[in-house]
Every structure is written in structure tokens, then in C-alpha cells.
Amino acid sequence: VIPALALTAEAFAPFGQVVQAYADVNAVPAPRTTRITGANQGTAVKFHKLALHDEAYPAELGATTGLAIYRCKPIDLAPNGEWEIKLLERHPATKQAFIPMGEASGENTLEKPGKRYLVIVALNGPDDKPDLQSMRAFVASAGQGLMYNMGIWHHPMAVLDGPMDFTCVETQVGDGSPLDCEIVSLEEQPQKYAAQV
């Protein structure tokens, strides 16, 4: 069982970047490399380059970068707060970002949107499969986005409490290419893996 820790930039650094604003611009949780400036004639504060998108597709594949929306339903936690991890996926040729869209009003908006989501990640092992010993779980708030590094194994979006919409930034060929997404089942593993929220 993997305890789910609060998502911080430092803890998530081996797997990617956390995208969020910081109430105290001098606070330790802000990545030390973050440049913070005033913007928009004094009506905003800009946190520069919290995450840089990158991709490594061969040019002849014609991969394109775009925005998508993922509308996610909440997962069912066991009464003890555990949730079995049955698969991991990775995107070997692109970074992938998920940014919660928050609450809104109007047509096709969510009623009672969730406030948290579960992030499960693992490094790549020497066998080019997930290094299950490196697997970590984090709980992110609706005020935190993230960007997975290229090739990082992760579970698909798993929201808690209520449905959530996310903007996703990624590069894809879009034809089912394994460079777009590889999936590995964990159900045949001799050991079961679960996150504890």
C-alpha cells in the first residue's frame, strides 16, 4: 500500500513539474528557479515557466501539439481509503500536462465539482517497464496542475470527491501509435498495489 502524500513541487520533481501559484512568493514550496513578476498593469502576478512542454516525435510522423478536455468521474475508494492500482501508462515521446479547470457556470458545466485528485507515478525501470519500487502517490488540489515528464509511468486521471474537468496539453500522432501511449497492466503482478488516500 502506497500512502498518498500532498503534492509538492519537490516531492514530484523526479516525475515532472507542479503548476500552481503560491500565496507567499518567497515561500519555500515555490520551486527556487521560478521567476515571479508583476503583470497586466499591476492586476496580476506571473509565475514564469513552471513547466516547459517538450516532445521527441520523429518529424515524419506529423505529430501535433494541442489542448484537450478530460471530463473525469470520481473513483470509488474502499471504506479504508484504499484504491487498487490496476494499470500504468506512459507517453514516451511527449510531456503531458493536466490543469484543473475549476468551477464554472453555464451550459455543460459540472455540478458539485471535485476539489482533489489522485496522482500515481513511477519511474521507468531497466527492463523498460515501470519500476514498481519507485511508485508514488500524491493528492493534488483543484488549484494544482501538473506536467508529467516524457516517459514517466502514471495512472490515468483519478479524481476524488466529485467530477472534474481538466485541460490537457500533449503532442500526439493520434493514430494509436505506441509513441502516443503505452499501457501496462498490473493485474498479473504477484503483488497487488494500492494507494491509500
C-alpha atoms as a PDB file:
ATOM      1  CA  VAL A   1       0.000   0.000   0.000  1.00  0.00           C
ATOM      2  CA  ILE A   2       1.390   3.367  -1.060  1.00  0.00           C
ATOM      3  CA  PRO A   3       0.395   6.323   1.144  1.00  0.00           C
ATOM      4  CA  ALA A   4      -0.802   9.309  -0.894  1.00  0.00           C
ATOM      5  CA  LEU A   5       1.124  12.413   0.157  1.00  0.00           C
ATOM      6  CA  ALA A   6       0.237  16.038  -0.513  1.00  0.00           C
ATOM      7  CA  LEU A   7       1.523  17.086  -3.945  1.00  0.00           C
ATOM      8  CA  THR A   8       4.543  19.413  -3.729  1.00  0.00           C
ATOM      9  CA  ALA A   9       6.987  20.563  -6.390  1.00  0.00           C
ATOM     10  CA  GLU A  10       9.920  18.996  -4.532  1.00  0.00           C
ATOM     11  CA  ALA A  11       8.337  15.583  -3.998  1.00  0.00           C
ATOM     12  CA  PHE A  12       7.061  15.415  -7.594  1.00  0.00           C
ATOM     13  CA  ALA A  13      10.336  16.604  -9.193  1.00  0.00           C
ATOM     14  CA  PRO A  14      11.577  13.120 -10.265  1.00  0.00           C
ATOM     15  CA  PHE A  15       8.340  12.664 -12.232  1.00  0.00           C
ATOM     16  CA  GLY A  16       7.533  16.123 -13.573  1.00  0.00           C
ATOM     17  CA  GLN A  17       6.514  19.621 -12.553  1.00  0.00           C
ATOM     18  CA  VAL A  18       3.728  21.046 -10.398  1.00  0.00           C
ATOM     19  CA  VAL A  19       1.899  24.020 -11.924  1.00  0.00           C
ATOM     20  CA  GLN A  20       0.414  26.345  -9.318  1.00  0.00           C
ATOM     21  CA  ALA A  21       0.535  29.843  -7.881  1.00  0.00           C
ATOM     22  CA  TYR A  22       1.999  30.432  -4.432  1.00  0.00           C
ATOM     23  CA  ALA A  23       0.388  32.696  -1.824  1.00  0.00           C
ATOM     24  CA  ASP A  24       3.779  33.776  -0.477  1.00  0.00           C
ATOM     25  CA  VAL A  25       6.118  34.397  -3.400  1.00  0.00           C
ATOM     26  CA  ASN A  26       9.100  33.945  -1.065  1.00  0.00           C
ATOM     27  CA  ALA A  27       7.827  30.641   0.319  1.00  0.00           C
ATOM     28  CA  VAL A  28       9.992  27.552   0.220  1.00  0.00           C
ATOM     29  CA  PRO A  29       7.356  25.447  -1.633  1.00  0.00           C
ATOM     30  CA  ALA A  30       7.791  27.556  -4.774  1.00  0.00           C
ATOM     31  CA  PRO A  31      10.443  25.984  -6.991  1.00  0.00           C
ATOM     32  CA  ARG A  32      13.599  28.014  -6.419  1.00  0.00           C
ATOM     33  CA  THR A  33      14.032  28.593 -10.154  1.00  0.00           C
ATOM     34  CA  THR A  34      10.613  30.234 -10.527  1.00  0.00           C
ATOM     35  CA  ARG A  35      10.742  33.834 -11.722  1.00  0.00           C
ATOM     36  CA  ILE A  36       7.837  35.865 -10.350  1.00  0.00           C
ATOM     37  CA  THR A  37       6.897  39.280 -11.764  1.00  0.00           C
ATOM     38  CA  GLY A  38       4.018  41.706 -11.803  1.00  0.00           C
ATOM     39  CA  ALA A  39       1.902  41.572 -14.957  1.00  0.00           C
ATOM     40  CA  ASN A  40      -1.114  43.092 -16.710  1.00  0.00           C
ATOM     41  CA  GLN A  41      -0.528  46.656 -15.499  1.00  0.00           C
ATOM     42  CA  GLY A  42      -0.423  45.538 -11.868  1.00  0.00           C
ATOM     43  CA  THR A  43      -3.560  43.378 -11.811  1.00  0.00           C
ATOM     44  CA  ALA A  44      -1.710  40.035 -11.820  1.00  0.00           C
ATOM     45  CA  VAL A  45       1.365  38.190 -10.616  1.00  0.00           C
ATOM     46  CA  LYS A  46       3.027  35.905 -13.174  1.00  0.00           C
ATOM     47  CA  PHE A  47       4.845  32.707 -12.189  1.00  0.00           C
ATOM     48  CA  HIS A  48       7.096  32.144 -15.213  1.00  0.00           C
ATOM     49  CA  LYS A  49       7.828  28.807 -16.880  1.00  0.00           C
ATOM     50  CA  LEU A  50       6.607  26.471 -14.138  1.00  0.00           C
ATOM     51  CA  ALA A  51       6.684  23.668 -16.722  1.00  0.00           C
ATOM     52  CA  LEU A  52       8.049  23.570 -20.263  1.00  0.00           C
ATOM     53  CA  HIS A  53       6.326  21.364 -22.822  1.00  0.00           C
ATOM     54  CA  ASP A  54       8.581  19.170 -24.948  1.00  0.00           C
ATOM     55  CA  GLU A  55       8.230  16.308 -27.409  1.00  0.00           C
ATOM     56  CA  ALA A  56      10.536  13.973 -29.331  1.00  0.00           C
ATOM     57  CA  TYR A  57       8.430  12.581 -32.187  1.00  0.00           C
ATOM     58  CA  PRO A  58      10.167  11.900 -35.499  1.00  0.00           C
ATOM     59  CA  ALA A  59       9.160  14.763 -37.828  1.00  0.00           C
ATOM     60  CA  GLU A  60       7.822  12.379 -40.484  1.00  0.00           C
ATOM     61  CA  LEU A  61       5.043  11.200 -38.127  1.00  0.00           C
ATOM     62  CA  GLY A  62       3.376  14.627 -38.233  1.00  0.00           C
ATOM     63  CA  ALA A  63       2.603  14.784 -34.504  1.00  0.00           C
ATOM     64  CA  THR A  64       0.847  17.955 -33.369  1.00  0.00           C
ATOM     65  CA  THR A  65       0.525  19.683 -30.007  1.00  0.00           C
ATOM     66  CA  GLY A  66      -2.925  20.654 -28.841  1.00  0.00           C
ATOM     67  CA  LEU A  67      -5.342  21.141 -25.985  1.00  0.00           C
ATOM     68  CA  ALA A  68      -7.962  18.599 -24.981  1.00  0.00           C
ATOM     69  CA  ILE A  69     -10.525  18.433 -22.185  1.00  0.00           C
ATOM     70  CA  TYR A  70     -10.815  15.399 -19.938  1.00  0.00           C
ATOM     71  CA  ARG A  71     -14.107  15.229 -18.007  1.00  0.00           C
ATOM     72  CA  CYS A  72     -13.333  12.799 -15.182  1.00  0.00           C
ATOM     73  CA  LYS A  73     -15.697  10.905 -12.893  1.00  0.00           C
ATOM     74  CA  PRO A  74     -14.673  10.214  -9.290  1.00  0.00           C
ATOM     75  CA  ILE A  75     -13.116   6.862  -8.417  1.00  0.00           C
ATOM     76  CA  ASP A  76     -14.592   4.548  -5.779  1.00  0.00           C
ATOM     77  CA  LEU A  77     -12.313   4.320  -2.768  1.00  0.00           C
ATOM     78  CA  ALA A  78     -12.650   1.379  -0.389  1.00  0.00           C
ATOM     79  CA  PRO A  79     -14.071   2.293   3.045  1.00  0.00           C
ATOM     80  CA  ASN A  80     -10.497   2.329   4.408  1.00  0.00           C
ATOM     81  CA  GLY A  81      -9.412   4.862   1.751  1.00  0.00           C
ATOM     82  CA  GLU A  82      -7.515   2.358  -0.399  1.00  0.00           C
ATOM     83  CA  TRP A  83      -7.747   2.169  -4.184  1.00  0.00           C
ATOM     84  CA  GLU A  84      -6.211  -0.640  -6.222  1.00  0.00           C
ATOM     85  CA  ILE A  85      -3.779   0.406  -8.961  1.00  0.00           C
ATOM     86  CA  LYS A  86      -4.524  -1.870 -11.928  1.00  0.00           C
ATOM     87  CA  LEU A  87      -2.500  -0.238 -14.711  1.00  0.00           C
ATOM     88  CA  LEU A  88       0.035   2.409 -15.600  1.00  0.00           C
ATOM     89  CA  GLU A  89       0.600   4.256 -18.861  1.00  0.00           C
ATOM     90  CA  ARG A  90       3.328   6.436 -20.329  1.00  0.00           C
ATOM     91  CA  HIS A  91       3.850   8.760 -23.260  1.00  0.00           C
ATOM     92  CA  PRO A  92       7.395   8.014 -24.449  1.00  0.00           C
ATOM     93  CA  ALA A  93       7.638  10.897 -26.934  1.00  0.00           C
ATOM     94  CA  THR A  94       5.857  13.762 -25.165  1.00  0.00           C
ATOM     95  CA  LYS A  95       5.389  15.513 -21.879  1.00  0.00           C
ATOM     96  CA  GLN A  96       1.733  15.703 -20.813  1.00  0.00           C
ATOM     97  CA  ALA A  97       0.092  18.401 -18.683  1.00  0.00           C
ATOM     98  CA  PHE A  98      -3.220  18.355 -16.812  1.00  0.00           C
ATOM     99  CA  ILE A  99      -4.641  21.634 -15.499  1.00  0.00           C
ATOM    100  CA  PRO A 100      -7.873  21.557 -13.424  1.00  0.00           C
ATOM    101  CA  MET A 101     -10.437  23.946 -14.861  1.00  0.00           C
ATOM    102  CA  GLY A 102     -12.204  24.793 -11.600  1.00  0.00           C
ATOM    103  CA  GLU A 103     -15.823  25.730 -11.145  1.00  0.00           C
ATOM    104  CA  ALA A 104     -17.838  27.500 -13.812  1.00  0.00           C
ATOM    105  CA  SER A 105     -21.399  28.356 -14.729  1.00  0.00           C
ATOM    106  CA  GLY A 106     -23.302  27.974 -17.946  1.00  0.00           C
ATOM    107  CA  GLU A 107     -24.142  25.188 -20.340  1.00  0.00           C
ATOM    108  CA  ASN A 108     -22.418  21.797 -19.945  1.00  0.00           C
ATOM    109  CA  THR A 109     -20.702  22.690 -16.673  1.00  0.00           C
ATOM    110  CA  LEU A 110     -20.220  20.328 -13.767  1.00  0.00           C
ATOM    111  CA  GLU A 111     -22.471  20.396 -10.740  1.00  0.00           C
ATOM    112  CA  LYS A 112     -20.603  19.981  -7.449  1.00  0.00           C
ATOM    113  CA  PRO A 113     -17.143  19.563  -8.990  1.00  0.00           C
ATOM    114  CA  GLY A 114     -14.442  17.760  -7.077  1.00  0.00           C
ATOM    115  CA  LYS A 115     -11.677  19.531  -5.217  1.00  0.00           C
ATOM    116  CA  ARG A 116      -8.906  16.879  -5.257  1.00  0.00           C
ATOM    117  CA  TYR A 117      -7.379  14.251  -7.491  1.00  0.00           C
ATOM    118  CA  LEU A 118      -5.048  11.304  -7.013  1.00  0.00           C
ATOM    119  CA  VAL A 119      -1.734  11.191  -8.887  1.00  0.00           C
ATOM    120  CA  ILE A 120       0.131   7.871  -9.193  1.00  0.00           C
ATOM    121  CA  VAL A 121       3.566   7.798 -10.839  1.00  0.00           C
ATOM    122  CA  ALA A 122       6.572   5.516 -11.337  1.00  0.00           C
ATOM    123  CA  LEU A 123       9.973   5.819 -12.966  1.00  0.00           C
ATOM    124  CA  ASN A 124      10.975   3.667 -15.928  1.00  0.00           C
ATOM    125  CA  GLY A 125      12.923   0.555 -14.968  1.00  0.00           C
ATOM    126  CA  PRO A 126      15.973  -1.061 -16.599  1.00  0.00           C
ATOM    127  CA  ASP A 127      13.600  -3.503 -18.363  1.00  0.00           C
ATOM    128  CA  ASP A 128      11.736  -0.549 -19.999  1.00  0.00           C
ATOM    129  CA  LYS A 129       8.711  -1.267 -17.790  1.00  0.00           C
ATOM    130  CA  PRO A 130       7.512   0.608 -14.688  1.00  0.00           C
ATOM    131  CA  ASP A 131       9.900   0.427 -11.736  1.00  0.00           C
ATOM    132  CA  LEU A 132       7.215  -0.531  -9.232  1.00  0.00           C
ATOM    133  CA  GLN A 133       9.568   0.100  -6.305  1.00  0.00           C
ATOM    134  CA  SER A 134       9.652   3.775  -7.332  1.00  0.00           C
ATOM    135  CA  MET A 135       5.847   4.110  -7.453  1.00  0.00           C
ATOM    136  CA  ARG A 136       4.491   7.094  -5.514  1.00  0.00           C
ATOM    137  CA  ALA A 137       1.014   8.511  -4.887  1.00  0.00           C
ATOM    138  CA  PHE A 138       0.061  12.137  -4.322  1.00  0.00           C
ATOM    139  CA  VAL A 139      -3.148  14.035  -3.612  1.00  0.00           C
ATOM    140  CA  ALA A 140      -3.414  17.241  -5.652  1.00  0.00           C
ATOM    141  CA  SER A 141      -5.859  20.071  -5.071  1.00  0.00           C
ATOM    142  CA  ALA A 142      -8.009  21.708  -7.739  1.00  0.00           C
ATOM    143  CA  GLY A 143      -5.551  24.621  -7.581  1.00  0.00           C
ATOM    144  CA  GLN A 144      -2.649  22.447  -8.743  1.00  0.00           C
ATOM    145  CA  GLY A 145      -1.884  21.296 -12.251  1.00  0.00           C
ATOM    146  CA  LEU A 146       0.973  19.045 -13.243  1.00  0.00           C
ATOM    147  CA  MET A 147       3.155  18.061 -16.145  1.00  0.00           C
ATOM    148  CA  TYR A 148       4.449  14.512 -16.460  1.00  0.00           C
ATOM    149  CA  ASN A 149       7.970  14.229 -17.816  1.00  0.00           C
ATOM    150  CA  MET A 150       8.417  12.320 -21.058  1.00  0.00           C
ATOM    151  CA  GLY A 151       8.238   8.559 -20.473  1.00  0.00           C
ATOM    152  CA  ILE A 152       7.052   8.737 -16.849  1.00  0.00           C
ATOM    153  CA  TRP A 153       4.651   5.942 -15.986  1.00  0.00           C
ATOM    154  CA  HIS A 154       1.431   7.195 -14.428  1.00  0.00           C
ATOM    155  CA  HIS A 155      -2.129   6.151 -13.780  1.00  0.00           C
ATOM    156  CA  PRO A 156      -4.824   7.844 -15.875  1.00  0.00           C
ATOM    157  CA  MET A 157      -6.644  10.693 -14.117  1.00  0.00           C
ATOM    158  CA  ALA A 158      -8.266   9.590 -10.854  1.00  0.00           C
ATOM    159  CA  VAL A 159     -10.430  12.261  -9.241  1.00  0.00           C
ATOM    160  CA  LEU A 160     -11.746  12.251  -5.693  1.00  0.00           C
ATOM    161  CA  ASP A 161     -14.895  13.767  -4.153  1.00  0.00           C
ATOM    162  CA  GLY A 162     -16.680  14.735  -7.384  1.00  0.00           C
ATOM    163  CA  PRO A 163     -16.270  15.104 -11.166  1.00  0.00           C
ATOM    164  CA  MET A 164     -13.564  17.409 -12.514  1.00  0.00           C
ATOM    165  CA  ASP A 165     -12.668  18.910 -15.877  1.00  0.00           C
ATOM    166  CA  PHE A 166      -9.002  19.158 -16.880  1.00  0.00           C
ATOM    167  CA  THR A 167      -7.306  20.867 -19.789  1.00  0.00           C
ATOM    168  CA  CYS A 168      -4.665  18.514 -21.192  1.00  0.00           C
ATOM    169  CA  VAL A 169      -1.661  19.715 -23.203  1.00  0.00           C
ATOM    170  CA  GLU A 170       0.091  16.996 -25.183  1.00  0.00           C
ATOM    171  CA  THR A 171       1.626  16.146 -28.528  1.00  0.00           C
ATOM    172  CA  GLN A 172       0.220  13.153 -30.426  1.00  0.00           C
ATOM    173  CA  VAL A 173       0.145  11.463 -33.799  1.00  0.00           C
ATOM    174  CA  GLY A 174      -3.406  10.362 -32.992  1.00  0.00           C
ATOM    175  CA  ASP A 175      -3.376   7.057 -34.890  1.00  0.00           C
ATOM    176  CA  GLY A 176      -2.895   4.659 -31.981  1.00  0.00           C
ATOM    177  CA  SER A 177       0.892   4.830 -32.239  1.00  0.00           C
ATOM    178  CA  PRO A 178       2.729   3.356 -29.229  1.00  0.00           C
ATOM    179  CA  LEU A 179       4.659   6.637 -29.171  1.00  0.00           C
ATOM    180  CA  ASP A 180       1.369   8.293 -28.176  1.00  0.00           C
ATOM    181  CA  CYS A 181       0.614   5.948 -25.275  1.00  0.00           C
ATOM    182  CA  GLU A 182       1.815   2.626 -23.853  1.00  0.00           C
ATOM    183  CA  ILE A 183      -0.255   0.799 -21.221  1.00  0.00           C
ATOM    184  CA  VAL A 184       0.964  -1.873 -18.799  1.00  0.00           C
ATOM    185  CA  SER A 185      -1.460  -3.954 -16.720  1.00  0.00           C
ATOM    186  CA  LEU A 186      -0.533  -4.583 -13.088  1.00  0.00           C
ATOM    187  CA  GLU A 187      -3.276  -7.162 -12.540  1.00  0.00           C
ATOM    188  CA  GLU A 188      -0.962 -10.081 -13.375  1.00  0.00           C
ATOM    189  CA  GLN A 189       1.671  -8.945 -10.869  1.00  0.00           C
ATOM    190  CA  PRO A 190       2.226 -11.353  -7.944  1.00  0.00           C
ATOM    191  CA  GLN A 191       1.788  -8.408  -5.585  1.00  0.00           C
ATOM    192  CA  LYS A 192      -1.248  -6.115  -5.570  1.00  0.00           C
ATOM    193  CA  TYR A 193      -0.629  -2.365  -5.487  1.00  0.00           C
ATOM    194  CA  ALA A 194      -2.948   0.180  -3.900  1.00  0.00           C
ATOM    195  CA  ALA A 195      -2.874   3.850  -2.976  1.00  0.00           C
ATOM    196  CA  GLN A 196      -4.040   4.948   0.481  1.00  0.00           C
ATOM    197  CA  VAL A 197      -5.819   8.318   0.457  1.00  0.00           C
END
